[in-house]
Amino acid sequence: MEIKEFLPLVWKVFCEFEASNYPESAKLAFKQAIYDENYLAMLTAYGAYKDNLPTGIIATREGGITYLPMKYKYQEFKL
């Protein structure tokens, strides 16, 4: 798995579900961070695919979850 192939998904999910909660400066900072080579080198990531297309990713850093975006149609909300 190459983390870079998941970055458009990370950005898309952020824009769909989180971006409205942040000022433009924070949105720009997030986008710059997820494409930063030094930042990416600190992450351990695992991706999910459906029909060979990226559908979700979990990225961790120093034992904590950094992000966990997934395409909406693959999210299940079961309580």
C-alpha atoms as a PDB file:
ATOM      1  CA  MET A   1       0.000   0.000   0.000  1.00  0.00           C
ATOM      2  CA  GLU A   2       1.293   3.429  -0.931  1.00  0.00           C
ATOM      3  CA  ILE A   3      -0.073   6.107   1.400  1.00  0.00           C
ATOM      4  CA  LYS A   4       0.084   8.731  -1.338  1.00  0.00           C
ATOM      5  CA  GLU A   5      -2.634   6.979  -3.338  1.00  0.00           C
ATOM      6  CA  PHE A   6      -4.994   7.565  -0.403  1.00  0.00           C
ATOM      7  CA  LEU A   7      -4.328  11.288   0.040  1.00  0.00           C
ATOM      8  CA  PRO A   8      -7.061  12.432  -2.370  1.00  0.00           C
ATOM      9  CA  LEU A   9      -9.484  10.293  -0.350  1.00  0.00           C
ATOM     10  CA  VAL A  10      -8.260  11.813   2.925  1.00  0.00           C
ATOM     11  CA  TRP A  11      -8.763  15.311   1.535  1.00  0.00           C
ATOM     12  CA  LYS A  12     -12.186  14.506   0.031  1.00  0.00           C
ATOM     13  CA  VAL A  13     -13.543  13.012   3.256  1.00  0.00           C
ATOM     14  CA  PHE A  14     -12.180  15.951   5.240  1.00  0.00           C
ATOM     15  CA  CYS A  15     -13.909  18.390   2.888  1.00  0.00           C
ATOM     16  CA  GLU A  16     -17.201  16.469   3.010  1.00  0.00           C
ATOM     17  CA  PHE A  17     -17.443  15.978   6.757  1.00  0.00           C
ATOM     18  CA  GLU A  18     -15.057  18.255   8.656  1.00  0.00           C
ATOM     19  CA  ALA A  19     -14.019  21.314   6.666  1.00  0.00           C
ATOM     20  CA  SER A  20     -17.119  23.353   7.475  1.00  0.00           C
ATOM     21  CA  ASN A  21     -16.018  23.365  11.141  1.00  0.00           C
ATOM     22  CA  TYR A  22     -12.678  25.056  10.431  1.00  0.00           C
ATOM     23  CA  PRO A  23     -11.471  28.428   9.166  1.00  0.00           C
ATOM     24  CA  GLU A  24      -9.769  28.565   5.768  1.00  0.00           C
ATOM     25  CA  SER A  25      -6.320  28.800   7.398  1.00  0.00           C
ATOM     26  CA  ALA A  26      -6.875  25.504   9.224  1.00  0.00           C
ATOM     27  CA  LYS A  27      -8.135  23.806   6.050  1.00  0.00           C
ATOM     28  CA  LEU A  28      -5.020  24.921   4.200  1.00  0.00           C
ATOM     29  CA  ALA A  29      -2.794  23.752   7.065  1.00  0.00           C
ATOM     30  CA  PHE A  30      -4.436  20.308   7.026  1.00  0.00           C
ATOM     31  CA  LYS A  31      -4.023  19.952   3.269  1.00  0.00           C
ATOM     32  CA  GLN A  32      -0.380  20.991   3.466  1.00  0.00           C
ATOM     33  CA  ALA A  33       0.221  18.529   6.312  1.00  0.00           C
ATOM     34  CA  ILE A  34      -1.268  15.497   4.577  1.00  0.00           C
ATOM     35  CA  TYR A  35       0.926  16.069   1.529  1.00  0.00           C
ATOM     36  CA  ASP A  36       4.102  16.861   3.503  1.00  0.00           C
ATOM     37  CA  GLU A  37       6.797  14.203   2.941  1.00  0.00           C
ATOM     38  CA  ASN A  38       8.226  14.592   6.465  1.00  0.00           C
ATOM     39  CA  TYR A  39       4.800  14.201   8.021  1.00  0.00           C
ATOM     40  CA  LEU A  40       3.974  11.169   5.889  1.00  0.00           C
ATOM     41  CA  ALA A  41       7.274   9.537   6.891  1.00  0.00           C
ATOM     42  CA  MET A  42       6.130   9.583  10.544  1.00  0.00           C
ATOM     43  CA  LEU A  43       2.955   7.626   9.821  1.00  0.00           C
ATOM     44  CA  THR A  44       2.122   3.964   9.713  1.00  0.00           C
ATOM     45  CA  ALA A  45      -0.876   3.445   7.466  1.00  0.00           C
ATOM     46  CA  TYR A  46      -3.161   0.625   6.409  1.00  0.00           C
ATOM     47  CA  GLY A  47      -5.543   0.955   3.484  1.00  0.00           C
ATOM     48  CA  ALA A  48      -8.795  -0.663   2.452  1.00  0.00           C
ATOM     49  CA  TYR A  49      -9.716  -1.340  -1.156  1.00  0.00           C
ATOM     50  CA  LYS A  50     -12.822  -2.370  -3.026  1.00  0.00           C
ATOM     51  CA  ASP A  51     -12.400  -3.426  -6.648  1.00  0.00           C
ATOM     52  CA  ASN A  52      -8.773  -2.234  -6.452  1.00  0.00           C
ATOM     53  CA  LEU A  53      -9.848   1.315  -5.549  1.00  0.00           C
ATOM     54  CA  PRO A  54      -8.949   3.026  -2.236  1.00  0.00           C
ATOM     55  CA  THR A  55     -11.990   3.168   0.038  1.00  0.00           C
ATOM     56  CA  GLY A  56     -10.536   3.886   3.477  1.00  0.00           C
ATOM     57  CA  ILE A  57      -7.332   4.325   5.425  1.00  0.00           C
ATOM     58  CA  ILE A  58      -6.186   4.349   9.012  1.00  0.00           C
ATOM     59  CA  ALA A  59      -2.990   6.182   9.793  1.00  0.00           C
ATOM     60  CA  THR A  60      -1.241   6.074  13.146  1.00  0.00           C
ATOM     61  CA  ARG A  61       1.615   7.989  14.679  1.00  0.00           C
ATOM     62  CA  GLU A  62       3.287   7.323  18.016  1.00  0.00           C
ATOM     63  CA  GLY A  63       0.606   4.850  19.032  1.00  0.00           C
ATOM     64  CA  GLY A  64      -2.419   7.061  18.316  1.00  0.00           C
ATOM     65  CA  ILE A  65      -4.802   7.288  15.398  1.00  0.00           C
ATOM     66  CA  THR A  66      -3.951  10.270  13.216  1.00  0.00           C
ATOM     67  CA  TYR A  67      -6.828   9.911  10.782  1.00  0.00           C
ATOM     68  CA  LEU A  68      -9.412   7.355   9.770  1.00  0.00           C
ATOM     69  CA  PRO A  69     -11.300   8.531   6.671  1.00  0.00           C
ATOM     70  CA  MET A  70     -13.483   6.226   4.617  1.00  0.00           C
ATOM     71  CA  LYS A  71     -15.705   6.813   1.602  1.00  0.00           C
ATOM     72  CA  TYR A  72     -19.196   7.524   2.870  1.00  0.00           C
ATOM     73  CA  LYS A  73     -20.886   4.669   1.019  1.00  0.00           C
ATOM     74  CA  TYR A  74     -18.646   2.201   2.894  1.00  0.00           C
ATOM     75  CA  GLN A  75     -19.337   3.651   6.337  1.00  0.00           C
ATOM     76  CA  GLU A  76     -21.819   1.754   8.451  1.00  0.00           C
ATOM     77  CA  PHE A  77     -23.399   3.372  11.452  1.00  0.00           C
ATOM     78  CA  LYS A  78     -24.647   0.537  13.613  1.00  0.00           C
ATOM     79  CA  LEU A  79     -25.380   1.101  17.263  1.00  0.00           C
END
